[in-house]
Amino acid sequence: MAADADHGADLAKRWCASCHVVSADQGQASADVPAFAAIARKSDFTPEKVAFFLLDPHPKMPSFPLSRLEAADIAAYIGSLRK
């Protein structure tokens, strides 16, 4: 089953937007975390790496009970921001 970037956008707005800028229409977020568009532009970005990171988060990130499919959807959304 393919990842759903639209569902990933909904999840990101609900769970990630308090810290990250997840969309162009978002006003603000924490200053010390990267915007999703910046993550997407990293030279080593892959949706698989991001999905794995979300399932095994960095200690500074809150723990979210994401399923593998939800993590893949968020990673697909971040990938859709790559320009």
PDB file of N, CA and C in Angstrom:
ATOM      1  N   MET A   1       0.847  -1.188   0.000  1.00  0.00           N
ATOM      2  CA  MET A   1       0.000   0.000   0.000  1.00  0.00           C
ATOM      3  C   MET A   1       0.890   1.248   0.000  1.00  0.00           C
ATOM      4  N   ALA A   2       0.636   2.163  -0.897  1.00  0.00           N
ATOM      5  CA  ALA A   2       1.431   3.380  -1.025  1.00  0.00           C
ATOM      6  C   ALA A   2       1.110   4.353   0.108  1.00  0.00           C
ATOM      7  N   ALA A   3       2.125   5.120   0.483  1.00  0.00           N
ATOM      8  CA  ALA A   3       1.937   6.130   1.516  1.00  0.00           C
ATOM      9  C   ALA A   3       1.027   7.237   0.988  1.00  0.00           C
ATOM     10  N   ASP A   4       0.287   7.857   1.882  1.00  0.00           N
ATOM     11  CA  ASP A   4      -0.701   8.886   1.545  1.00  0.00           C
ATOM     12  C   ASP A   4      -0.223  10.235   2.081  1.00  0.00           C
ATOM     13  N   ALA A   5       0.337  11.071   1.210  1.00  0.00           N
ATOM     14  CA  ALA A   5       0.869  12.367   1.622  1.00  0.00           C
ATOM     15  C   ALA A   5      -0.218  13.284   2.174  1.00  0.00           C
ATOM     16  N   ASP A   6      -1.441  13.201   1.639  1.00  0.00           N
ATOM     17  CA  ASP A   6      -2.531  14.042   2.153  1.00  0.00           C
ATOM     18  C   ASP A   6      -2.862  13.677   3.597  1.00  0.00           C
ATOM     19  N   HIS A   7      -2.910  12.385   3.886  1.00  0.00           N
ATOM     20  CA  HIS A   7      -3.144  11.950   5.264  1.00  0.00           C
ATOM     21  C   HIS A   7      -1.965  12.369   6.137  1.00  0.00           C
ATOM     22  N   GLY A   8      -0.754  12.280   5.592  1.00  0.00           N
ATOM     23  CA  GLY A   8       0.433  12.725   6.322  1.00  0.00           C
ATOM     24  C   GLY A   8       0.377  14.201   6.673  1.00  0.00           C
ATOM     25  N   ALA A   9      -0.152  15.014   5.761  1.00  0.00           N
ATOM     26  CA  ALA A   9      -0.309  16.447   6.036  1.00  0.00           C
ATOM     27  C   ALA A   9      -1.272  16.661   7.197  1.00  0.00           C
ATOM     28  N   ASP A  10      -2.378  15.930   7.203  1.00  0.00           N
ATOM     29  CA  ASP A  10      -3.339  16.047   8.306  1.00  0.00           C
ATOM     30  C   ASP A  10      -2.702  15.650   9.631  1.00  0.00           C
ATOM     31  N   LEU A  11      -1.959  14.538   9.628  1.00  0.00           N
ATOM     32  CA  LEU A  11      -1.286  14.093  10.852  1.00  0.00           C
ATOM     33  C   LEU A  11      -0.254  15.116  11.309  1.00  0.00           C
ATOM     34  N   ALA A  12       0.518  15.646  10.372  1.00  0.00           N
ATOM     35  CA  ALA A  12       1.557  16.621  10.705  1.00  0.00           C
ATOM     36  C   ALA A  12       0.955  17.879  11.323  1.00  0.00           C
ATOM     37  N   LYS A  13      -0.148  18.342  10.760  1.00  0.00           N
ATOM     38  CA  LYS A  13      -0.793  19.535  11.303  1.00  0.00           C
ATOM     39  C   LYS A  13      -1.320  19.285  12.709  1.00  0.00           C
ATOM     40  N   ARG A  14      -1.756  18.065  12.969  1.00  0.00           N
ATOM     41  CA  ARG A  14      -2.306  17.730  14.281  1.00  0.00           C
ATOM     42  C   ARG A  14      -1.200  17.492  15.312  1.00  0.00           C
ATOM     43  N   TRP A  15      -0.150  16.765  14.947  1.00  0.00           N
ATOM     44  CA  TRP A  15       0.830  16.309  15.937  1.00  0.00           C
ATOM     45  C   TRP A  15       2.169  17.032  15.892  1.00  0.00           C
ATOM     46  N   CYS A  16       2.543  17.583  14.753  1.00  0.00           N
ATOM     47  CA  CYS A  16       3.903  18.102  14.596  1.00  0.00           C
ATOM     48  C   CYS A  16       3.978  19.627  14.596  1.00  0.00           C
ATOM     49  N   ALA A  17       2.865  20.290  14.298  1.00  0.00           N
ATOM     50  CA  ALA A  17       2.873  21.740  14.093  1.00  0.00           C
ATOM     51  C   ALA A  17       3.140  22.546  15.357  1.00  0.00           C
ATOM     52  N   SER A  18       3.062  21.942  16.521  1.00  0.00           N
ATOM     53  CA  SER A  18       3.367  22.701  17.729  1.00  0.00           C
ATOM     54  C   SER A  18       4.864  22.982  17.835  1.00  0.00           C
ATOM     55  N   CYS A  19       5.680  22.198  17.153  1.00  0.00           N
ATOM     56  CA  CYS A  19       7.127  22.402  17.171  1.00  0.00           C
ATOM     57  C   CYS A  19       7.699  22.763  15.798  1.00  0.00           C
ATOM     58  N   HIS A  20       7.225  22.115  14.735  1.00  0.00           N
ATOM     59  CA  HIS A  20       7.740  22.313  13.381  1.00  0.00           C
ATOM     60  C   HIS A  20       6.787  23.157  12.546  1.00  0.00           C
ATOM     61  N   VAL A  21       7.341  23.944  11.626  1.00  0.00           N
ATOM     62  CA  VAL A  21       6.512  24.550  10.589  1.00  0.00           C
ATOM     63  C   VAL A  21       6.268  23.434   9.588  1.00  0.00           C
ATOM     64  N   VAL A  22       5.015  23.029   9.456  1.00  0.00           N
ATOM     65  CA  VAL A  22       4.691  21.883   8.605  1.00  0.00           C
ATOM     66  C   VAL A  22       4.074  22.283   7.275  1.00  0.00           C
ATOM     67  N   SER A  23       3.659  23.542   7.141  1.00  0.00           N
ATOM     68  CA  SER A  23       3.049  23.993   5.887  1.00  0.00           C
ATOM     69  C   SER A  23       3.319  25.482   5.707  1.00  0.00           C
ATOM     70  N   ALA A  24       3.203  25.936   4.480  1.00  0.00           N
ATOM     71  CA  ALA A  24       3.498  27.331   4.153  1.00  0.00           C
ATOM     72  C   ALA A  24       2.548  28.309   4.834  1.00  0.00           C
ATOM     73  N   ASP A  25       1.353  27.865   5.167  1.00  0.00           N
ATOM     74  CA  ASP A  25       0.381  28.771   5.776  1.00  0.00           C
ATOM     75  C   ASP A  25       0.452  28.810   7.298  1.00  0.00           C
ATOM     76  N   GLN A  26       1.440  28.128   7.876  1.00  0.00           N
ATOM     77  CA  GLN A  26       1.590  28.113   9.329  1.00  0.00           C
ATOM     78  C   GLN A  26       2.366  29.343   9.785  1.00  0.00           C
ATOM     79  N   GLY A  27       1.889  30.000  10.811  1.00  0.00           N
ATOM     80  CA  GLY A  27       2.502  31.231  11.278  1.00  0.00           C
ATOM     81  C   GLY A  27       3.801  31.075  12.031  1.00  0.00           C
ATOM     82  N   GLN A  28       3.864  30.154  12.980  1.00  0.00           N
ATOM     83  CA  GLN A  28       5.072  30.028  13.783  1.00  0.00           C
ATOM     84  C   GLN A  28       5.189  28.639  14.374  1.00  0.00           C
ATOM     85  N   ALA A  29       6.375  28.368  14.893  1.00  0.00           N
ATOM     86  CA  ALA A  29       6.672  27.113  15.576  1.00  0.00           C
ATOM     87  C   ALA A  29       7.912  27.358  16.422  1.00  0.00           C
ATOM     88  N   SER A  30       8.475  26.325  17.000  1.00  0.00           N
ATOM     89  CA  SER A  30       9.692  26.467  17.798  1.00  0.00           C
ATOM     90  C   SER A  30      10.850  26.892  16.899  1.00  0.00           C
ATOM     91  N   ALA A  31      11.688  27.761  17.419  1.00  0.00           N
ATOM     92  CA  ALA A  31      12.798  28.286  16.620  1.00  0.00           C
ATOM     93  C   ALA A  31      13.926  27.283  16.437  1.00  0.00           C
ATOM     94  N   ASP A  32      14.040  26.317  17.321  1.00  0.00           N
ATOM     95  CA  ASP A  32      15.203  25.420  17.286  1.00  0.00           C
ATOM     96  C   ASP A  32      14.950  24.079  16.605  1.00  0.00           C
ATOM     97  N   VAL A  33      13.871  23.967  15.853  1.00  0.00           N
ATOM     98  CA  VAL A  33      13.582  22.732  15.118  1.00  0.00           C
ATOM     99  C   VAL A  33      13.389  23.070  13.639  1.00  0.00           C
ATOM    100  N   PRO A  34      13.791  22.177  12.752  1.00  0.00           N
ATOM    101  CA  PRO A  34      13.683  22.482  11.323  1.00  0.00           C
ATOM    102  C   PRO A  34      12.246  22.421  10.814  1.00  0.00           C
ATOM    103  N   ALA A  35      11.965  23.279   9.858  1.00  0.00           N
ATOM    104  CA  ALA A  35      10.682  23.228   9.160  1.00  0.00           C
ATOM    105  C   ALA A  35      10.667  21.976   8.297  1.00  0.00           C
ATOM    106  N   PHE A  36       9.490  21.449   8.037  1.00  0.00           N
ATOM    107  CA  PHE A  36       9.382  20.246   7.208  1.00  0.00           C
ATOM    108  C   PHE A  36       9.974  20.470   5.817  1.00  0.00           C
ATOM    109  N   ALA A  37       9.808  21.670   5.257  1.00  0.00           N
ATOM    110  CA  ALA A  37      10.374  21.943   3.928  1.00  0.00           C
ATOM    111  C   ALA A  37      11.898  21.870   3.966  1.00  0.00           C
ATOM    112  N   ALA A  38      12.512  22.323   5.072  1.00  0.00           N
ATOM    113  CA  ALA A  38      13.969  22.246   5.204  1.00  0.00           C
ATOM    114  C   ALA A  38      14.425  20.790   5.325  1.00  0.00           C
ATOM    115  N   ILE A  39      13.656  19.985   6.022  1.00  0.00           N
ATOM    116  CA  ILE A  39      13.979  18.557   6.138  1.00  0.00           C
ATOM    117  C   ILE A  39      13.914  17.918   4.750  1.00  0.00           C
ATOM    118  N   ALA A  40      12.899  18.266   3.993  1.00  0.00           N
ATOM    119  CA  ALA A  40      12.722  17.691   2.654  1.00  0.00           C
ATOM    120  C   ALA A  40      13.864  18.057   1.718  1.00  0.00           C
ATOM    121  N   ARG A  41      14.461  19.229   1.909  1.00  0.00           N
ATOM    122  CA  ARG A  41      15.531  19.691   1.018  1.00  0.00           C
ATOM    123  C   ARG A  41      16.913  19.140   1.386  1.00  0.00           C
ATOM    124  N   LYS A  42      17.033  18.446   2.505  1.00  0.00           N
ATOM    125  CA  LYS A  42      18.342  17.898   2.883  1.00  0.00           C
ATOM    126  C   LYS A  42      18.826  16.941   1.807  1.00  0.00           C
ATOM    127  N   SER A  43      20.113  16.987   1.537  1.00  0.00           N
ATOM    128  CA  SER A  43      20.673  16.170   0.452  1.00  0.00           C
ATOM    129  C   SER A  43      20.518  14.678   0.704  1.00  0.00           C
ATOM    130  N   ASP A  44      20.466  14.275   1.960  1.00  0.00           N
ATOM    131  CA  ASP A  44      20.340  12.844   2.274  1.00  0.00           C
ATOM    132  C   ASP A  44      18.905  12.429   2.615  1.00  0.00           C
ATOM    133  N   PHE A  45      17.930  13.286   2.290  1.00  0.00           N
ATOM    134  CA  PHE A  45      16.528  12.979   2.607  1.00  0.00           C
ATOM    135  C   PHE A  45      16.033  11.776   1.815  1.00  0.00           C
ATOM    136  N   THR A  46      15.379  10.885   2.516  1.00  0.00           N
ATOM    137  CA  THR A  46      14.560   9.852   1.887  1.00  0.00           C
ATOM    138  C   THR A  46      13.343   9.651   2.775  1.00  0.00           C
ATOM    139  N   PRO A  47      12.185   9.364   2.194  1.00  0.00           N
ATOM    140  CA  PRO A  47      11.009   9.101   3.019  1.00  0.00           C
ATOM    141  C   PRO A  47      11.238   7.933   3.981  1.00  0.00           C
ATOM    142  N   GLU A  48      11.996   6.934   3.551  1.00  0.00           N
ATOM    143  CA  GLU A  48      12.245   5.769   4.417  1.00  0.00           C
ATOM    144  C   GLU A  48      13.014   6.169   5.666  1.00  0.00           C
ATOM    145  N   LYS A  49      14.023   7.036   5.513  1.00  0.00           N
ATOM    146  CA  LYS A  49      14.803   7.481   6.675  1.00  0.00           C
ATOM    147  C   LYS A  49      13.936   8.259   7.654  1.00  0.00           C
ATOM    148  N   VAL A  50      13.073   9.112   7.121  1.00  0.00           N
ATOM    149  CA  VAL A  50      12.209   9.913   7.981  1.00  0.00           C
ATOM    150  C   VAL A  50      11.196   9.017   8.698  1.00  0.00           C
ATOM    151  N   ALA A  51      10.593   8.089   7.986  1.00  0.00           N
ATOM    152  CA  ALA A  51       9.623   7.183   8.607  1.00  0.00           C
ATOM    153  C   ALA A  51      10.287   6.383   9.724  1.00  0.00           C
ATOM    154  N   PHE A  52      11.496   5.878   9.478  1.00  0.00           N
ATOM    155  CA  PHE A  52      12.215   5.131  10.518  1.00  0.00           C
ATOM    156  C   PHE A  52      12.489   6.034  11.718  1.00  0.00           C
ATOM    157  N   PHE A  53      12.927   7.270  11.462  1.00  0.00           N
ATOM    158  CA  PHE A  53      13.186   8.220  12.542  1.00  0.00           C
ATOM    159  C   PHE A  53      11.936   8.456  13.376  1.00  0.00           C
ATOM    160  N   LEU A  54      10.795   8.588  12.718  1.00  0.00           N
ATOM    161  CA  LEU A  54       9.544   8.831  13.437  1.00  0.00           C
ATOM    162  C   LEU A  54       9.137   7.650  14.306  1.00  0.00           C
ATOM    163  N   LEU A  55       9.483   6.455  13.878  1.00  0.00           N
ATOM    164  CA  LEU A  55       9.141   5.268  14.666  1.00  0.00           C
ATOM    165  C   LEU A  55      10.112   5.041  15.821  1.00  0.00           C
ATOM    166  N   ASP A  56      11.308   5.628  15.727  1.00  0.00           N
ATOM    167  CA  ASP A  56      12.327   5.512  16.773  1.00  0.00           C
ATOM    168  C   ASP A  56      12.867   6.917  17.030  1.00  0.00           C
ATOM    169  N   PRO A  57      12.044   7.803  17.618  1.00  0.00           N
ATOM    170  CA  PRO A  57      12.360   9.227  17.660  1.00  0.00           C
ATOM    171  C   PRO A  57      13.562   9.586  18.527  1.00  0.00           C
ATOM    172  N   HIS A  58      14.120  10.744  18.215  1.00  0.00           N
ATOM    173  CA  HIS A  58      15.206  11.342  18.974  1.00  0.00           C
ATOM    174  C   HIS A  58      14.677  11.700  20.358  1.00  0.00           C
ATOM    175  N   PRO A  59      15.512  11.628  21.379  1.00  0.00           N
ATOM    176  CA  PRO A  59      15.029  11.922  22.739  1.00  0.00           C
ATOM    177  C   PRO A  59      14.379  13.294  22.909  1.00  0.00           C
ATOM    178  N   LYS A  60      14.738  14.275  22.098  1.00  0.00           N
ATOM    179  CA  LYS A  60      14.134  15.604  22.241  1.00  0.00           C
ATOM    180  C   LYS A  60      12.713  15.657  21.695  1.00  0.00           C
ATOM    181  N   MET A  61      12.328  14.658  20.908  1.00  0.00           N
ATOM    182  CA  MET A  61      10.980  14.636  20.345  1.00  0.00           C
ATOM    183  C   MET A  61      10.027  13.929  21.301  1.00  0.00           C
ATOM    184  N   PRO A  62       8.792  14.419  21.378  1.00  0.00           N
ATOM    185  CA  PRO A  62       7.811  13.684  22.179  1.00  0.00           C
ATOM    186  C   PRO A  62       7.520  12.327  21.535  1.00  0.00           C
ATOM    187  N   SER A  63       7.094  11.406  22.344  1.00  0.00           N
ATOM    188  CA  SER A  63       6.771  10.078  21.837  1.00  0.00           C
ATOM    189  C   SER A  63       5.335  10.064  21.340  1.00  0.00           C
ATOM    190  N   PHE A  64       5.161   9.780  20.051  1.00  0.00           N
ATOM    191  CA  PHE A  64       3.835   9.673  19.470  1.00  0.00           C
ATOM    192  C   PHE A  64       3.579   8.218  19.127  1.00  0.00           C
ATOM    193  N   PRO A  65       2.394   7.739  19.387  1.00  0.00           N
ATOM    194  CA  PRO A  65       2.086   6.345  19.057  1.00  0.00           C
ATOM    195  C   PRO A  65       1.734   6.183  17.580  1.00  0.00           C
ATOM    196  N   LEU A  66       2.722   6.377  16.702  1.00  0.00           N
ATOM    197  CA  LEU A  66       2.480   6.281  15.268  1.00  0.00           C
ATOM    198  C   LEU A  66       2.555   4.840  14.797  1.00  0.00           C
ATOM    199  N   SER A  67       1.661   4.479  13.922  1.00  0.00           N
ATOM    200  CA  SER A  67       1.769   3.198  13.246  1.00  0.00           C
ATOM    201  C   SER A  67       2.801   3.346  12.125  1.00  0.00           C
ATOM    202  N   ARG A  68       3.232   2.240  11.551  1.00  0.00           N
ATOM    203  CA  ARG A  68       4.170   2.308  10.415  1.00  0.00           C
ATOM    204  C   ARG A  68       3.543   3.055   9.244  1.00  0.00           C
ATOM    205  N   LEU A  69       2.271   2.840   9.015  1.00  0.00           N
ATOM    206  CA  LEU A  69       1.589   3.511   7.916  1.00  0.00           C
ATOM    207  C   LEU A  69       1.505   5.020   8.156  1.00  0.00           C
ATOM    208  N   GLU A  70       1.202   5.426   9.381  1.00  0.00           N
ATOM    209  CA  GLU A  70       1.143   6.855   9.697  1.00  0.00           C
ATOM    210  C   GLU A  70       2.511   7.503   9.539  1.00  0.00           C
ATOM    211  N   ALA A  71       3.566   6.835   9.997  1.00  0.00           N
ATOM    212  CA  ALA A  71       4.922   7.358   9.832  1.00  0.00           C
ATOM    213  C   ALA A  71       5.262   7.494   8.346  1.00  0.00           C
ATOM    214  N   ALA A  72       4.882   6.510   7.551  1.00  0.00           N
ATOM    215  CA  ALA A  72       5.125   6.564   6.107  1.00  0.00           C
ATOM    216  C   ALA A  72       4.333   7.698   5.470  1.00  0.00           C
ATOM    217  N   ASP A  73       3.120   7.937   5.936  1.00  0.00           N
ATOM    218  CA  ASP A  73       2.295   9.017   5.399  1.00  0.00           C
ATOM    219  C   ASP A  73       2.923  10.381   5.706  1.00  0.00           C
ATOM    220  N   ILE A  74       3.393  10.579   6.930  1.00  0.00           N
ATOM    221  CA  ILE A  74       4.053  11.836   7.288  1.00  0.00           C
ATOM    222  C   ILE A  74       5.321  12.013   6.470  1.00  0.00           C
ATOM    223  N   ALA A  75       6.095  10.949   6.321  1.00  0.00           N
ATOM    224  CA  ALA A  75       7.323  11.028   5.518  1.00  0.00           C
ATOM    225  C   ALA A  75       7.005  11.343   4.055  1.00  0.00           C
ATOM    226  N   ALA A  76       5.923  10.785   3.538  1.00  0.00           N
ATOM    227  CA  ALA A  76       5.517  11.092   2.161  1.00  0.00           C
ATOM    228  C   ALA A  76       5.117  12.553   2.031  1.00  0.00           C
ATOM    229  N   TYR A  77       4.435  13.068   3.044  1.00  0.00           N
ATOM    230  CA  TYR A  77       4.072  14.490   3.018  1.00  0.00           C
ATOM    231  C   TYR A  77       5.334  15.354   3.022  1.00  0.00           C
ATOM    232  N   ILE A  78       6.281  15.049   3.899  1.00  0.00           N
ATOM    233  CA  ILE A  78       7.520  15.832   3.932  1.00  0.00           C
ATOM    234  C   ILE A  78       8.206  15.751   2.567  1.00  0.00           C
ATOM    235  N   GLY A  79       8.242  14.569   1.968  1.00  0.00           N
ATOM    236  CA  GLY A  79       8.837  14.419   0.647  1.00  0.00           C
ATOM    237  C   GLY A  79       8.143  15.252  -0.409  1.00  0.00           C
ATOM    238  N   SER A  80       6.834  15.453  -0.246  1.00  0.00           N
ATOM    239  CA  SER A  80       6.087  16.258  -1.230  1.00  0.00           C
ATOM    240  C   SER A  80       6.473  17.723  -1.178  1.00  0.00           C
ATOM    241  N   LEU A  81       7.146  18.142  -0.110  1.00  0.00           N
ATOM    242  CA  LEU A  81       7.567  19.538   0.045  1.00  0.00           C
ATOM    243  C   LEU A  81       8.926  19.805  -0.579  1.00  0.00           C
ATOM    244  N   ARG A  82       9.589  18.774  -1.047  1.00  0.00           N
ATOM    245  CA  ARG A  82      10.925  18.907  -1.633  1.00  0.00           C
ATOM    246  C   ARG A  82      10.837  19.708  -2.935  1.00  0.00           C
ATOM    247  N   LYS A  83      11.670  20.717  -3.056  1.00  0.00           N
ATOM    248  CA  LYS A  83      11.666  21.555  -4.253  1.00  0.00           C
ATOM    249  C   LYS A  83      13.057  21.701  -4.794  1.00  0.00           C
TER     250      LYS A  83
END
